Amino acid sequence: MKNYEREKRSDDDRKLQEEKRLKVMEKLYLALVDTPGLFAYIIRKVIGIDYIHVVLSMDEELNEAYSVGRRNPAVPLLAGFEKEDAAKIEKVFPTAKYKIVSMECTREQKENISRQLKECYEKRFQYHYCIIGLPMLLFNIPFYQKNHYTCSSYIARLLSENGIQISEKHFSLVTPKDFYEYPDKKILFEGALEEIVHPEESWKLRKPEAVYEY
């Protein structure tokens, strides 16, 4: 009986420690991106801000970052779920403007999101860009085609499923502007992509308030 009680207390202690571990606050990172090009220009006009693409990352250096976007940075028509490669993107868009922000989450949320991103990446060719949903977005009509997303709708749905609500709108209607206006975020960096890829040739990831210091 005493052994049983000791084992039960030990199990309860382990569960309590695990619950505490999972409740520790962590951070997720978003990169809001502005790239040149006609398609980007059209999106900018529609949503009313410069940033037309959103990336979700586990770290602020964007080493483990994912999005629904171009599979090849140089080919706009081939798009789906991909792991972002900043060096490859920088070769095509060296002056692309990035705004990196952090948002708080629990360790449990971050671990679940990281696992889901990796699972999606393993099946990445089953996920596609939702071109047909763009007209619906213009007319504010919720629309979902299985495994088809925009960059914003994918991240909005993933975060919502893990208890982080970016907007009260249906996920298919979320745009980069909603992430841009999300209040519970901290700006870490704003500048050209080449500054991220080649920090040794520029400042380190700078806070935006330092950009205009002389």
C-alpha atoms as a PDB file:
ATOM      1  CA  MET A   1       0.000   0.000   0.000  1.00  0.00           C
ATOM      2  CA  LYS A   2       2.821   2.403   0.936  1.00  0.00           C
ATOM      3  CA  ASN A   3       4.653   1.615  -2.308  1.00  0.00           C
ATOM      4  CA  TYR A   4       1.491   2.351  -4.259  1.00  0.00           C
ATOM      5  CA  GLU A   5       1.074   5.695  -2.468  1.00  0.00           C
ATOM      6  CA  ARG A   6       4.714   6.613  -3.099  1.00  0.00           C
ATOM      7  CA  GLU A   7       4.383   5.728  -6.793  1.00  0.00           C
ATOM      8  CA  LYS A   8       1.167   7.720  -7.060  1.00  0.00           C
ATOM      9  CA  ARG A   9       2.779  10.758  -5.416  1.00  0.00           C
ATOM     10  CA  SER A  10       5.731  10.376  -7.753  1.00  0.00           C
ATOM     11  CA  ASP A  11       3.407  10.228 -10.775  1.00  0.00           C
ATOM     12  CA  ASP A  12       1.487  13.251  -9.518  1.00  0.00           C
ATOM     13  CA  ASP A  13       4.737  15.179  -9.027  1.00  0.00           C
ATOM     14  CA  ARG A  14       5.871  14.341 -12.563  1.00  0.00           C
ATOM     15  CA  LYS A  15       2.538  15.470 -13.984  1.00  0.00           C
ATOM     16  CA  LEU A  16       2.704  18.691 -11.991  1.00  0.00           C
ATOM     17  CA  GLN A  17       6.251  19.396 -13.205  1.00  0.00           C
ATOM     18  CA  GLU A  18       5.237  18.714 -16.792  1.00  0.00           C
ATOM     19  CA  GLU A  19       2.235  21.018 -16.467  1.00  0.00           C
ATOM     20  CA  LYS A  20       4.510  23.751 -15.108  1.00  0.00           C
ATOM     21  CA  ARG A  21       7.007  23.164 -17.912  1.00  0.00           C
ATOM     22  CA  LEU A  22       4.352  23.494 -20.582  1.00  0.00           C
ATOM     23  CA  LYS A  23       3.006  26.707 -19.050  1.00  0.00           C
ATOM     24  CA  VAL A  24       6.383  28.461 -19.228  1.00  0.00           C
ATOM     25  CA  MET A  25       6.103  31.413 -21.615  1.00  0.00           C
ATOM     26  CA  GLU A  26       7.930  31.212 -24.937  1.00  0.00           C
ATOM     27  CA  LYS A  27       7.924  33.265 -28.122  1.00  0.00           C
ATOM     28  CA  LEU A  28       6.829  32.739 -31.690  1.00  0.00           C
ATOM     29  CA  TYR A  29       8.143  34.942 -34.484  1.00  0.00           C
ATOM     30  CA  LEU A  30       6.458  36.406 -37.532  1.00  0.00           C
ATOM     31  CA  ALA A  31       8.160  37.944 -40.528  1.00  0.00           C
ATOM     32  CA  LEU A  32       6.097  40.418 -42.523  1.00  0.00           C
ATOM     33  CA  VAL A  33       7.588  40.687 -45.999  1.00  0.00           C
ATOM     34  CA  ASP A  34       7.457  43.223 -48.809  1.00  0.00           C
ATOM     35  CA  THR A  35       8.877  42.038 -52.134  1.00  0.00           C
ATOM     36  CA  PRO A  36       8.963  43.724 -55.550  1.00  0.00           C
ATOM     37  CA  GLY A  37       6.907  42.576 -58.536  1.00  0.00           C
ATOM     38  CA  LEU A  38       3.549  43.076 -60.225  1.00  0.00           C
ATOM     39  CA  PHE A  39       1.676  40.496 -58.118  1.00  0.00           C
ATOM     40  CA  ALA A  40       3.052  42.036 -54.929  1.00  0.00           C
ATOM     41  CA  TYR A  41       2.038  45.477 -56.188  1.00  0.00           C
ATOM     42  CA  ILE A  42      -1.563  44.310 -56.716  1.00  0.00           C
ATOM     43  CA  ILE A  43      -1.749  42.763 -53.232  1.00  0.00           C
ATOM     44  CA  ARG A  44      -0.360  45.965 -51.689  1.00  0.00           C
ATOM     45  CA  LYS A  45      -3.089  47.977 -53.392  1.00  0.00           C
ATOM     46  CA  VAL A  46      -5.794  45.584 -52.190  1.00  0.00           C
ATOM     47  CA  ILE A  47      -4.782  45.310 -48.514  1.00  0.00           C
ATOM     48  CA  GLY A  48      -3.436  48.833 -48.146  1.00  0.00           C
ATOM     49  CA  ILE A  49      -0.027  48.125 -46.541  1.00  0.00           C
ATOM     50  CA  ASP A  50       3.455  47.433 -47.885  1.00  0.00           C
ATOM     51  CA  TYR A  51       3.819  43.979 -46.339  1.00  0.00           C
ATOM     52  CA  ILE A  52       2.179  41.360 -48.533  1.00  0.00           C
ATOM     53  CA  HIS A  53       3.567  38.071 -47.173  1.00  0.00           C
ATOM     54  CA  VAL A  54       3.691  36.452 -43.717  1.00  0.00           C
ATOM     55  CA  VAL A  55       6.137  33.837 -42.425  1.00  0.00           C
ATOM     56  CA  LEU A  56       5.893  31.929 -39.128  1.00  0.00           C
ATOM     57  CA  SER A  57       9.202  31.115 -37.445  1.00  0.00           C
ATOM     58  CA  MET A  58      10.379  29.341 -34.313  1.00  0.00           C
ATOM     59  CA  ASP A  59      13.351  31.721 -33.993  1.00  0.00           C
ATOM     60  CA  GLU A  60      14.042  35.382 -34.758  1.00  0.00           C
ATOM     61  CA  GLU A  61      16.853  34.547 -37.208  1.00  0.00           C
ATOM     62  CA  LEU A  62      14.294  32.696 -39.410  1.00  0.00           C
ATOM     63  CA  ASN A  63      16.292  29.465 -39.387  1.00  0.00           C
ATOM     64  CA  GLU A  64      13.125  27.427 -38.784  1.00  0.00           C
ATOM     65  CA  ALA A  65      10.543  29.423 -40.692  1.00  0.00           C
ATOM     66  CA  TYR A  66       7.576  28.250 -42.772  1.00  0.00           C
ATOM     67  CA  SER A  67       4.950  29.763 -45.027  1.00  0.00           C
ATOM     68  CA  VAL A  68       2.623  29.174 -47.937  1.00  0.00           C
ATOM     69  CA  GLY A  69       4.430  30.919 -50.756  1.00  0.00           C
ATOM     70  CA  ARG A  70       6.785  30.434 -53.673  1.00  0.00           C
ATOM     71  CA  ARG A  71       8.465  27.056 -53.817  1.00  0.00           C
ATOM     72  CA  ASN A  72      11.181  28.718 -55.855  1.00  0.00           C
ATOM     73  CA  PRO A  73      11.716  32.428 -55.072  1.00  0.00           C
ATOM     74  CA  ALA A  74      12.278  33.170 -58.769  1.00  0.00           C
ATOM     75  CA  VAL A  75       9.088  31.419 -59.979  1.00  0.00           C
ATOM     76  CA  PRO A  76       5.864  33.053 -58.705  1.00  0.00           C
ATOM     77  CA  LEU A  77       3.449  30.552 -60.253  1.00  0.00           C
ATOM     78  CA  LEU A  78       4.739  27.561 -58.268  1.00  0.00           C
ATOM     79  CA  ALA A  79       3.475  28.065 -54.729  1.00  0.00           C
ATOM     80  CA  GLY A  80       2.631  25.901 -51.743  1.00  0.00           C
ATOM     81  CA  PHE A  81       3.781  25.072 -48.234  1.00  0.00           C
ATOM     82  CA  GLU A  82       7.530  25.494 -47.857  1.00  0.00           C
ATOM     83  CA  LYS A  83      10.316  26.016 -45.366  1.00  0.00           C
ATOM     84  CA  GLU A  84      11.717  29.483 -45.956  1.00  0.00           C
ATOM     85  CA  ASP A  85      15.341  29.775 -47.090  1.00  0.00           C
ATOM     86  CA  ALA A  86      16.381  33.379 -46.493  1.00  0.00           C
ATOM     87  CA  ALA A  87      19.647  32.968 -48.429  1.00  0.00           C
ATOM     88  CA  LYS A  88      17.820  31.754 -51.566  1.00  0.00           C
ATOM     89  CA  ILE A  89      15.234  34.519 -51.288  1.00  0.00           C
ATOM     90  CA  GLU A  90      17.973  37.118 -50.808  1.00  0.00           C
ATOM     91  CA  LYS A  91      19.585  36.106 -54.110  1.00  0.00           C
ATOM     92  CA  VAL A  92      16.346  36.985 -55.930  1.00  0.00           C
ATOM     93  CA  PHE A  93      15.122  39.850 -53.715  1.00  0.00           C
ATOM     94  CA  PRO A  94      18.153  41.298 -51.868  1.00  0.00           C
ATOM     95  CA  THR A  95      16.302  44.503 -51.026  1.00  0.00           C
ATOM     96  CA  ALA A  96      13.080  42.809 -49.881  1.00  0.00           C
ATOM     97  CA  LYS A  97      11.865  44.570 -46.760  1.00  0.00           C
ATOM     98  CA  TYR A  98      11.315  42.467 -43.632  1.00  0.00           C
ATOM     99  CA  LYS A  99       9.622  43.289 -40.373  1.00  0.00           C
ATOM    100  CA  ILE A 100      10.243  40.667 -37.695  1.00  0.00           C
ATOM    101  CA  VAL A 101       8.006  40.610 -34.641  1.00  0.00           C
ATOM    102  CA  SER A 102       7.635  38.314 -31.644  1.00  0.00           C
ATOM    103  CA  MET A 103       4.490  37.207 -29.863  1.00  0.00           C
ATOM    104  CA  GLU A 104       4.127  35.352 -26.605  1.00  0.00           C
ATOM    105  CA  CYS A 105       2.837  31.803 -26.294  1.00  0.00           C
ATOM    106  CA  THR A 106       3.160  28.946 -23.859  1.00  0.00           C
ATOM    107  CA  ARG A 107       5.808  26.284 -24.291  1.00  0.00           C
ATOM    108  CA  GLU A 108       3.029  23.784 -24.974  1.00  0.00           C
ATOM    109  CA  GLN A 109       1.636  25.968 -27.764  1.00  0.00           C
ATOM    110  CA  LYS A 110       5.061  26.426 -29.319  1.00  0.00           C
ATOM    111  CA  GLU A 111       5.887  22.724 -29.196  1.00  0.00           C
ATOM    112  CA  ASN A 112       2.534  21.811 -30.761  1.00  0.00           C
ATOM    113  CA  ILE A 113       2.892  24.434 -33.491  1.00  0.00           C
ATOM    114  CA  SER A 114       6.455  23.344 -34.253  1.00  0.00           C
ATOM    115  CA  ARG A 115       5.347  19.712 -34.513  1.00  0.00           C
ATOM    116  CA  GLN A 116       2.435  20.593 -36.823  1.00  0.00           C
ATOM    117  CA  LEU A 117       4.683  22.686 -39.073  1.00  0.00           C
ATOM    118  CA  LYS A 118       7.141  19.829 -39.414  1.00  0.00           C
ATOM    119  CA  GLU A 119       4.313  17.397 -40.174  1.00  0.00           C
ATOM    120  CA  CYS A 120       2.977  19.732 -42.871  1.00  0.00           C
ATOM    121  CA  TYR A 121       6.449  20.092 -44.321  1.00  0.00           C
ATOM    122  CA  GLU A 122       6.724  16.321 -44.673  1.00  0.00           C
ATOM    123  CA  LYS A 123       3.521  16.466 -46.747  1.00  0.00           C
ATOM    124  CA  ARG A 124       4.288  19.866 -48.278  1.00  0.00           C
ATOM    125  CA  PHE A 125       3.408  18.898 -51.845  1.00  0.00           C
ATOM    126  CA  GLN A 126      -0.159  18.214 -50.714  1.00  0.00           C
ATOM    127  CA  TYR A 127      -0.563  21.884 -49.781  1.00  0.00           C
ATOM    128  CA  HIS A 128      -1.124  24.555 -52.417  1.00  0.00           C
ATOM    129  CA  TYR A 129      -1.683  28.286 -52.749  1.00  0.00           C
ATOM    130  CA  CYS A 130      -5.383  29.176 -52.781  1.00  0.00           C
ATOM    131  CA  ILE A 131      -5.570  31.274 -55.935  1.00  0.00           C
ATOM    132  CA  ILE A 132      -9.299  30.681 -56.373  1.00  0.00           C
ATOM    133  CA  GLY A 133      -9.916  32.112 -52.905  1.00  0.00           C
ATOM    134  CA  LEU A 134      -8.478  35.534 -53.741  1.00  0.00           C
ATOM    135  CA  PRO A 135     -11.665  36.846 -55.446  1.00  0.00           C
ATOM    136  CA  MET A 136     -13.660  35.589 -52.440  1.00  0.00           C
ATOM    137  CA  LEU A 137     -11.306  37.513 -50.189  1.00  0.00           C
ATOM    138  CA  LEU A 138     -11.964  40.689 -52.181  1.00  0.00           C
ATOM    139  CA  PHE A 139     -15.718  40.284 -51.628  1.00  0.00           C
ATOM    140  CA  ASN A 140     -15.274  39.271 -47.974  1.00  0.00           C
ATOM    141  CA  ILE A 141     -16.783  35.814 -48.521  1.00  0.00           C
ATOM    142  CA  PRO A 142     -15.313  33.002 -46.357  1.00  0.00           C
ATOM    143  CA  PHE A 143     -13.981  30.234 -48.566  1.00  0.00           C
ATOM    144  CA  TYR A 144     -11.970  27.078 -47.991  1.00  0.00           C
ATOM    145  CA  GLN A 145     -10.663  24.591 -50.537  1.00  0.00           C
ATOM    146  CA  LYS A 146      -9.079  21.552 -48.878  1.00  0.00           C
ATOM    147  CA  ASN A 147      -5.315  21.976 -48.349  1.00  0.00           C
ATOM    148  CA  HIS A 148      -5.310  25.309 -50.203  1.00  0.00           C
ATOM    149  CA  TYR A 149      -4.256  28.415 -48.291  1.00  0.00           C
ATOM    150  CA  THR A 150      -2.823  31.878 -48.619  1.00  0.00           C
ATOM    151  CA  CYS A 151       0.188  32.655 -46.439  1.00  0.00           C
ATOM    152  CA  SER A 152      -2.046  34.478 -43.954  1.00  0.00           C
ATOM    153  CA  SER A 153      -4.918  32.007 -43.845  1.00  0.00           C
ATOM    154  CA  TYR A 154      -2.621  29.047 -43.138  1.00  0.00           C
ATOM    155  CA  ILE A 155      -0.875  30.768 -40.227  1.00  0.00           C
ATOM    156  CA  ALA A 156      -4.122  32.227 -38.876  1.00  0.00           C
ATOM    157  CA  ARG A 157      -5.758  28.790 -38.827  1.00  0.00           C
ATOM    158  CA  LEU A 158      -2.728  27.086 -37.264  1.00  0.00           C
ATOM    159  CA  LEU A 159      -2.447  29.682 -34.515  1.00  0.00           C
ATOM    160  CA  SER A 160      -6.192  29.649 -33.857  1.00  0.00           C
ATOM    161  CA  GLU A 161      -6.189  25.854 -33.488  1.00  0.00           C
ATOM    162  CA  ASN A 162      -3.546  26.317 -30.815  1.00  0.00           C
ATOM    163  CA  GLY A 163      -5.366  29.022 -28.886  1.00  0.00           C
ATOM    164  CA  ILE A 164      -3.833  32.154 -30.453  1.00  0.00           C
ATOM    165  CA  GLN A 165      -6.444  34.311 -32.149  1.00  0.00           C
ATOM    166  CA  ILE A 166      -5.088  36.819 -34.655  1.00  0.00           C
ATOM    167  CA  SER A 167      -8.487  37.959 -35.852  1.00  0.00           C
ATOM    168  CA  GLU A 168     -12.149  37.204 -35.232  1.00  0.00           C
ATOM    169  CA  LYS A 169     -12.631  36.792 -38.975  1.00  0.00           C
ATOM    170  CA  HIS A 170     -12.797  33.382 -40.656  1.00  0.00           C
ATOM    171  CA  PHE A 171      -9.216  32.282 -41.276  1.00  0.00           C
ATOM    172  CA  SER A 172      -9.708  32.455 -45.058  1.00  0.00           C
ATOM    173  CA  LEU A 173     -10.314  36.217 -44.768  1.00  0.00           C
ATOM    174  CA  VAL A 174      -7.191  36.985 -42.744  1.00  0.00           C
ATOM    175  CA  THR A 175      -4.566  39.028 -44.605  1.00  0.00           C
ATOM    176  CA  PRO A 176      -1.046  40.266 -43.755  1.00  0.00           C
ATOM    177  CA  LYS A 177      -2.718  43.480 -42.566  1.00  0.00           C
ATOM    178  CA  ASP A 178      -4.299  41.585 -39.657  1.00  0.00           C
ATOM    179  CA  PHE A 179      -0.868  40.405 -38.521  1.00  0.00           C
ATOM    180  CA  TYR A 180       0.500  43.912 -39.062  1.00  0.00           C
ATOM    181  CA  GLU A 181      -2.212  45.348 -36.816  1.00  0.00           C
ATOM    182  CA  TYR A 182      -2.135  42.544 -34.213  1.00  0.00           C
ATOM    183  CA  PRO A 183      -1.568  44.418 -30.932  1.00  0.00           C
ATOM    184  CA  ASP A 184       0.155  41.730 -28.824  1.00  0.00           C
ATOM    185  CA  LYS A 185       3.478  41.724 -30.639  1.00  0.00           C
ATOM    186  CA  LYS A 186       6.927  43.240 -30.199  1.00  0.00           C
ATOM    187  CA  ILE A 187       8.884  44.587 -33.161  1.00  0.00           C
ATOM    188  CA  LEU A 188      12.423  43.184 -33.267  1.00  0.00           C
ATOM    189  CA  PHE A 189      13.699  44.261 -36.656  1.00  0.00           C
ATOM    190  CA  GLU A 190      12.708  46.231 -39.713  1.00  0.00           C
ATOM    191  CA  GLY A 191      14.965  46.492 -42.737  1.00  0.00           C
ATOM    192  CA  ALA A 192      16.290  44.781 -45.853  1.00  0.00           C
ATOM    193  CA  LEU A 193      16.609  41.007 -46.082  1.00  0.00           C
ATOM    194  CA  GLU A 194      20.302  41.322 -46.938  1.00  0.00           C
ATOM    195  CA  GLU A 195      20.882  42.721 -43.451  1.00  0.00           C
ATOM    196  CA  ILE A 196      19.532  39.458 -41.996  1.00  0.00           C
ATOM    197  CA  VAL A 197      21.438  37.160 -44.327  1.00  0.00           C
ATOM    198  CA  HIS A 198      24.706  39.129 -44.054  1.00  0.00           C
ATOM    199  CA  PRO A 199      24.713  40.613 -40.543  1.00  0.00           C
ATOM    200  CA  GLU A 200      28.504  40.780 -40.592  1.00  0.00           C
ATOM    201  CA  GLU A 201      28.263  43.354 -43.378  1.00  0.00           C
ATOM    202  CA  SER A 202      25.695  45.468 -41.605  1.00  0.00           C
ATOM    203  CA  TRP A 203      24.253  46.004 -38.179  1.00  0.00           C
ATOM    204  CA  LYS A 204      23.016  43.026 -36.243  1.00  0.00           C
ATOM    205  CA  LEU A 205      19.262  42.594 -36.211  1.00  0.00           C
ATOM    206  CA  ARG A 206      18.393  46.083 -35.112  1.00  0.00           C
ATOM    207  CA  LYS A 207      15.437  47.406 -33.282  1.00  0.00           C
ATOM    208  CA  PRO A 208      13.405  49.689 -35.550  1.00  0.00           C
ATOM    209  CA  GLU A 209      13.917  52.706 -33.325  1.00  0.00           C
ATOM    210  CA  ALA A 210      17.669  52.480 -34.047  1.00  0.00           C
ATOM    211  CA  VAL A 211      17.236  52.556 -37.807  1.00  0.00           C
ATOM    212  CA  TYR A 212      17.346  56.317 -38.051  1.00  0.00           C
ATOM    213  CA  GLU A 213      19.957  56.996 -35.396  1.00  0.00           C
ATOM    214  CA  TYR A 214      23.099  58.797 -36.554  1.00  0.00           C
END
